Amino acid sequence: MITYDLKDFSVTPFGRYKTDSPYSAEAFREILILKLNEAIEQEDVVTIILDNVYGLGSSFLEESFGGLVRKGYFTKDQLLSSSPRLLNFETEHDFYLEEIEEYINTART
């Protein structure tokens, strides 16, 4: 399992685009793409730890995770439905999981 703790990116992730912040969703998504491609090559999964940051805004979550599908990097099925699913999360906050899965499932390509 490939594990990535979001706090290693920033304890205060903020913004949708790099023009908003160096710790934006767009910048994080670039790291996420590398991790997911590594997982595909190794027939592994990526687990993102979400709990060690000071909150996650909806625009950050949508651009990070919905953007994976919307921008054509991965399909919804690759991320959430394949067995085993490519992307997993560790969090004590179920609402983050629900929000992320909604953004991935409703992303338009």
N, C-alpha and C. Protein backbone atom coordinates (compact mmCIF):
# COMPACT_ATOMS: atom_id res chain seq x y z
N MET A 1 0.85 -1.18 0.00
CA MET A 1 0.00 0.00 0.00
C MET A 1 0.89 1.24 0.00
N ILE A 2 0.54 2.18 -0.85
CA ILE A 2 1.24 3.46 -0.90
C ILE A 2 0.43 4.44 -0.05
N THR A 3 1.05 4.95 0.99
CA THR A 3 0.35 5.86 1.91
C THR A 3 0.94 7.26 1.76
N TYR A 4 0.04 8.24 1.71
CA TYR A 4 0.48 9.63 1.65
C TYR A 4 -0.34 10.43 2.66
N ASP A 5 0.36 11.05 3.58
CA ASP A 5 -0.29 11.89 4.59
C ASP A 5 -0.37 13.30 4.03
N LEU A 6 -1.56 13.83 3.92
CA LEU A 6 -1.76 15.16 3.35
C LEU A 6 -0.94 16.22 4.07
N LYS A 7 -0.66 16.02 5.34
CA LYS A 7 0.15 17.00 6.09
C LYS A 7 1.56 17.11 5.53
N ASP A 8 2.03 16.08 4.82
CA ASP A 8 3.34 16.15 4.19
C ASP A 8 3.34 17.13 3.01
N PHE A 9 2.17 17.40 2.49
CA PHE A 9 2.00 18.42 1.45
C PHE A 9 1.87 19.78 2.13
N SER A 10 0.94 19.87 3.10
CA SER A 10 0.74 21.10 3.87
C SER A 10 -0.24 20.81 5.00
N VAL A 11 -0.02 21.41 6.16
CA VAL A 11 -1.01 21.30 7.24
C VAL A 11 -2.14 22.30 7.02
N THR A 12 -1.95 23.21 6.06
CA THR A 12 -2.98 24.20 5.74
C THR A 12 -3.21 24.25 4.23
N PRO A 13 -3.68 23.14 3.63
CA PRO A 13 -3.94 23.17 2.19
C PRO A 13 -5.06 24.17 1.90
N PHE A 14 -4.89 24.92 0.83
CA PHE A 14 -5.85 25.99 0.57
C PHE A 14 -5.91 26.31 -0.91
N GLY A 15 -7.10 26.55 -1.38
CA GLY A 15 -7.29 27.07 -2.74
C GLY A 15 -7.45 25.98 -3.77
N ARG A 16 -8.01 26.40 -4.87
CA ARG A 16 -8.26 25.50 -5.99
C ARG A 16 -7.06 25.46 -6.93
N TYR A 17 -6.52 26.63 -7.25
CA TYR A 17 -5.47 26.75 -8.26
C TYR A 17 -4.15 27.20 -7.67
N LYS A 18 -3.07 26.95 -8.41
CA LYS A 18 -1.74 27.38 -7.97
C LYS A 18 -1.67 28.89 -7.80
N THR A 19 -2.49 29.62 -8.54
CA THR A 19 -2.51 31.08 -8.38
C THR A 19 -3.13 31.50 -7.05
N ASP A 20 -3.88 30.61 -6.42
CA ASP A 20 -4.48 30.88 -5.11
C ASP A 20 -3.48 30.65 -3.98
N SER A 21 -2.65 29.62 -4.14
CA SER A 21 -1.76 29.22 -3.04
C SER A 21 -0.75 28.19 -3.56
N PRO A 22 0.46 28.19 -3.00
CA PRO A 22 1.39 27.12 -3.37
C PRO A 22 0.93 25.75 -2.83
N TYR A 23 -0.02 25.77 -1.92
CA TYR A 23 -0.56 24.54 -1.33
C TYR A 23 -1.98 24.30 -1.81
N SER A 24 -2.19 24.55 -3.08
CA SER A 24 -3.52 24.45 -3.69
C SER A 24 -3.85 23.01 -4.08
N ALA A 25 -5.11 22.81 -4.41
CA ALA A 25 -5.58 21.51 -4.89
C ALA A 25 -4.89 21.12 -6.19
N GLU A 26 -4.69 22.09 -7.05
CA GLU A 26 -4.02 21.83 -8.32
C GLU A 26 -2.60 21.28 -8.09
N ALA A 27 -1.88 21.87 -7.15
CA ALA A 27 -0.53 21.39 -6.82
C ALA A 27 -0.58 20.01 -6.17
N PHE A 28 -1.53 19.80 -5.28
CA PHE A 28 -1.67 18.49 -4.64
C PHE A 28 -2.05 17.42 -5.64
N ARG A 29 -2.92 17.76 -6.59
CA ARG A 29 -3.36 16.79 -7.59
C ARG A 29 -2.16 16.27 -8.40
N GLU A 30 -1.18 17.12 -8.66
CA GLU A 30 0.01 16.68 -9.40
C GLU A 30 0.75 15.58 -8.63
N ILE A 31 0.84 15.73 -7.32
CA ILE A 31 1.46 14.70 -6.48
C ILE A 31 0.60 13.43 -6.50
N LEU A 32 -0.69 13.63 -6.38
CA LEU A 32 -1.62 12.51 -6.36
C LEU A 32 -1.55 11.70 -7.66
N ILE A 33 -1.44 12.36 -8.78
CA ILE A 33 -1.32 11.67 -10.07
C ILE A 33 -0.08 10.78 -10.08
N LEU A 34 1.03 11.30 -9.59
CA LEU A 34 2.26 10.50 -9.53
C LEU A 34 2.07 9.27 -8.64
N LYS A 35 1.45 9.46 -7.48
CA LYS A 35 1.22 8.34 -6.55
C LYS A 35 0.29 7.30 -7.17
N LEU A 36 -0.76 7.75 -7.83
CA LEU A 36 -1.72 6.82 -8.44
C LEU A 36 -1.08 6.05 -9.59
N ASN A 37 -0.29 6.72 -10.41
CA ASN A 37 0.41 6.03 -11.49
C ASN A 37 1.41 5.01 -10.95
N GLU A 38 2.07 5.37 -9.86
CA GLU A 38 2.98 4.43 -9.20
C GLU A 38 2.21 3.20 -8.71
N ALA A 39 1.04 3.42 -8.16
CA ALA A 39 0.21 2.31 -7.67
C ALA A 39 -0.23 1.41 -8.82
N ILE A 40 -0.58 1.99 -9.95
CA ILE A 40 -0.97 1.19 -11.10
C ILE A 40 0.19 0.32 -11.56
N GLU A 41 1.38 0.91 -11.65
CA GLU A 41 2.56 0.17 -12.08
C GLU A 41 2.89 -0.98 -11.13
N GLN A 42 2.66 -0.77 -9.84
CA GLN A 42 3.00 -1.77 -8.83
C GLN A 42 1.81 -2.67 -8.46
N GLU A 43 0.68 -2.47 -9.14
CA GLU A 43 -0.56 -3.18 -8.80
C GLU A 43 -0.87 -3.02 -7.32
N ASP A 44 -0.90 -1.78 -6.90
CA ASP A 44 -1.06 -1.42 -5.50
C ASP A 44 -2.21 -0.42 -5.37
N VAL A 45 -2.41 0.09 -4.18
CA VAL A 45 -3.43 1.11 -3.93
C VAL A 45 -2.79 2.30 -3.21
N VAL A 46 -3.43 3.45 -3.33
CA VAL A 46 -2.97 4.66 -2.64
C VAL A 46 -3.95 4.97 -1.53
N THR A 47 -3.43 5.17 -0.34
CA THR A 47 -4.25 5.60 0.79
C THR A 47 -3.80 7.00 1.20
N ILE A 48 -4.76 7.92 1.21
CA ILE A 48 -4.49 9.30 1.59
C ILE A 48 -5.00 9.50 3.01
N ILE A 49 -4.12 9.98 3.89
CA ILE A 49 -4.50 10.30 5.27
C ILE A 49 -4.93 11.76 5.30
N LEU A 50 -6.17 12.00 5.72
CA LEU A 50 -6.75 13.34 5.66
C LEU A 50 -6.80 14.07 7.00
N ASP A 51 -6.53 13.38 8.09
CA ASP A 51 -6.84 13.94 9.42
C ASP A 51 -5.80 14.88 10.02
N ASN A 52 -4.64 14.97 9.48
CA ASN A 52 -3.58 15.73 10.15
C ASN A 52 -3.39 17.14 9.61
N VAL A 53 -4.46 17.71 9.06
CA VAL A 53 -4.42 19.07 8.54
C VAL A 53 -5.50 19.90 9.24
N TYR A 54 -5.39 21.22 9.09
CA TYR A 54 -6.33 22.13 9.74
C TYR A 54 -7.54 22.42 8.86
N GLY A 55 -8.24 21.38 8.45
CA GLY A 55 -9.46 21.53 7.68
C GLY A 55 -9.22 21.45 6.19
N LEU A 56 -10.27 21.03 5.48
CA LEU A 56 -10.22 20.88 4.04
C LEU A 56 -11.45 21.52 3.43
N GLY A 57 -11.25 22.53 2.61
CA GLY A 57 -12.36 23.21 1.97
C GLY A 57 -12.92 22.41 0.81
N SER A 58 -14.17 22.66 0.50
CA SER A 58 -14.82 21.91 -0.58
C SER A 58 -14.15 22.18 -1.93
N SER A 59 -13.69 23.39 -2.18
CA SER A 59 -13.03 23.66 -3.47
C SER A 59 -11.72 22.89 -3.58
N PHE A 60 -11.00 22.76 -2.46
CA PHE A 60 -9.76 21.98 -2.46
C PHE A 60 -10.07 20.51 -2.77
N LEU A 61 -11.08 19.96 -2.12
CA LEU A 61 -11.43 18.55 -2.33
C LEU A 61 -11.94 18.30 -3.74
N GLU A 62 -12.78 19.19 -4.24
CA GLU A 62 -13.33 18.99 -5.58
C GLU A 62 -12.24 19.06 -6.63
N GLU A 63 -11.37 20.05 -6.54
CA GLU A 63 -10.32 20.19 -7.55
C GLU A 63 -9.30 19.06 -7.45
N SER A 64 -8.96 18.65 -6.23
CA SER A 64 -8.00 17.56 -6.05
C SER A 64 -8.52 16.25 -6.60
N PHE A 65 -9.70 15.86 -6.17
CA PHE A 65 -10.20 14.52 -6.46
C PHE A 65 -11.17 14.48 -7.64
N GLY A 66 -12.12 15.40 -7.70
CA GLY A 66 -12.98 15.49 -8.87
C GLY A 66 -12.18 15.82 -10.11
N GLY A 67 -11.14 16.64 -9.93
CA GLY A 67 -10.28 17.02 -11.05
C GLY A 67 -9.53 15.85 -11.67
N LEU A 68 -9.29 14.81 -10.90
CA LEU A 68 -8.64 13.61 -11.46
C LEU A 68 -9.47 13.02 -12.59
N VAL A 69 -10.79 13.06 -12.43
CA VAL A 69 -11.70 12.53 -13.45
C VAL A 69 -12.01 13.60 -14.49
N ARG A 70 -12.35 14.79 -14.04
CA ARG A 70 -12.75 15.87 -14.94
C ARG A 70 -11.65 16.20 -15.95
N LYS A 71 -10.40 16.14 -15.52
CA LYS A 71 -9.27 16.46 -16.40
C LYS A 71 -8.80 15.25 -17.20
N GLY A 72 -9.43 14.09 -16.99
CA GLY A 72 -9.15 12.90 -17.79
C GLY A 72 -7.96 12.07 -17.36
N TYR A 73 -7.46 12.27 -16.16
CA TYR A 73 -6.31 11.48 -15.70
C TYR A 73 -6.71 10.05 -15.34
N PHE A 74 -7.89 9.90 -14.73
CA PHE A 74 -8.37 8.59 -14.30
C PHE A 74 -9.89 8.55 -14.47
N THR A 75 -10.44 7.34 -14.49
CA THR A 75 -11.89 7.21 -14.55
C THR A 75 -12.44 7.03 -13.13
N LYS A 76 -13.73 7.25 -13.01
CA LYS A 76 -14.40 7.03 -11.72
C LYS A 76 -14.20 5.59 -11.27
N ASP A 77 -14.35 4.67 -12.22
CA ASP A 77 -14.22 3.26 -11.90
C ASP A 77 -12.82 2.91 -11.41
N GLN A 78 -11.80 3.46 -12.05
CA GLN A 78 -10.43 3.21 -11.59
C GLN A 78 -10.25 3.63 -10.14
N LEU A 79 -10.77 4.79 -9.81
CA LEU A 79 -10.54 5.35 -8.48
C LEU A 79 -11.37 4.67 -7.40
N LEU A 80 -12.63 4.37 -7.70
CA LEU A 80 -13.55 3.95 -6.64
C LEU A 80 -14.14 2.56 -6.80
N SER A 81 -14.20 2.03 -8.02
CA SER A 81 -14.97 0.80 -8.22
C SER A 81 -14.14 -0.43 -8.55
N SER A 82 -12.93 -0.23 -9.01
CA SER A 82 -12.13 -1.40 -9.36
C SER A 82 -11.83 -2.21 -8.10
N SER A 83 -11.47 -3.45 -8.30
CA SER A 83 -11.21 -4.31 -7.15
C SER A 83 -9.76 -4.78 -7.19
N PRO A 84 -8.93 -4.35 -6.27
CA PRO A 84 -9.25 -3.37 -5.22
C PRO A 84 -9.29 -1.96 -5.81
N ARG A 85 -10.02 -1.11 -5.15
CA ARG A 85 -10.10 0.27 -5.64
C ARG A 85 -8.72 0.91 -5.54
N LEU A 86 -8.44 1.80 -6.44
CA LEU A 86 -7.11 2.42 -6.54
C LEU A 86 -6.87 3.45 -5.45
N LEU A 87 -7.93 4.09 -4.97
CA LEU A 87 -7.80 5.21 -4.05
C LEU A 87 -8.60 4.96 -2.77
N ASN A 88 -7.91 5.01 -1.64
CA ASN A 88 -8.55 4.85 -0.34
C ASN A 88 -8.18 6.03 0.55
N PHE A 89 -8.91 6.15 1.64
CA PHE A 89 -8.69 7.27 2.56
C PHE A 89 -8.70 6.78 4.00
N GLU A 90 -7.93 7.46 4.82
CA GLU A 90 -8.00 7.29 6.27
C GLU A 90 -8.43 8.62 6.85
N THR A 91 -9.55 8.60 7.58
CA THR A 91 -10.04 9.81 8.22
C THR A 91 -11.05 9.44 9.29
N GLU A 92 -11.12 10.27 10.30
CA GLU A 92 -12.15 10.11 11.32
C GLU A 92 -13.41 10.88 10.95
N HIS A 93 -13.37 11.58 9.83
CA HIS A 93 -14.48 12.45 9.42
C HIS A 93 -15.16 11.87 8.17
N ASP A 94 -16.24 11.15 8.38
CA ASP A 94 -16.95 10.51 7.27
C ASP A 94 -17.43 11.51 6.23
N PHE A 95 -17.72 12.74 6.65
CA PHE A 95 -18.22 13.72 5.69
C PHE A 95 -17.18 14.03 4.61
N TYR A 96 -15.89 13.93 4.93
CA TYR A 96 -14.86 14.11 3.90
C TYR A 96 -14.96 13.00 2.85
N LEU A 97 -15.15 11.77 3.31
CA LEU A 97 -15.28 10.64 2.39
C LEU A 97 -16.48 10.80 1.48
N GLU A 98 -17.61 11.18 2.07
CA GLU A 98 -18.83 11.36 1.29
C GLU A 98 -18.65 12.47 0.26
N GLU A 99 -18.02 13.56 0.68
CA GLU A 99 -17.81 14.69 -0.22
C GLU A 99 -16.87 14.31 -1.37
N ILE A 100 -15.77 13.66 -1.06
CA ILE A 100 -14.80 13.27 -2.09
C ILE A 100 -15.43 12.30 -3.08
N GLU A 101 -16.14 11.30 -2.58
CA GLU A 101 -16.77 10.34 -3.48
C GLU A 101 -17.83 11.01 -4.36
N GLU A 102 -18.55 11.97 -3.80
CA GLU A 102 -19.52 12.71 -4.60
C GLU A 102 -18.82 13.49 -5.72
N TYR A 103 -17.72 14.15 -5.40
CA TYR A 103 -16.99 14.92 -6.42
C TYR A 103 -16.44 14.02 -7.52
N ILE A 104 -15.94 12.86 -7.15
CA ILE A 104 -15.44 11.93 -8.15
C ILE A 104 -16.59 11.40 -9.00
N ASN A 105 -17.68 11.01 -8.37
CA ASN A 105 -18.81 10.42 -9.09
C ASN A 105 -19.56 11.41 -9.98
N THR A 106 -19.52 12.68 -9.64
CA THR A 106 -20.25 13.67 -10.44
C THR A 106 -19.35 14.45 -11.40
N ALA A 107 -18.07 14.15 -11.41
CA ALA A 107 -17.14 14.85 -12.31
C ALA A 107 -17.47 14.52 -13.76
N ARG A 108 -17.46 15.55 -14.57
CA ARG A 108 -17.73 15.37 -16.00
C ARG A 108 -16.42 15.46 -16.76
N THR A 109 -16.27 14.54 -17.71
CA THR A 109 -15.04 14.55 -18.51
C THR A 109 -15.25 15.30 -19.80
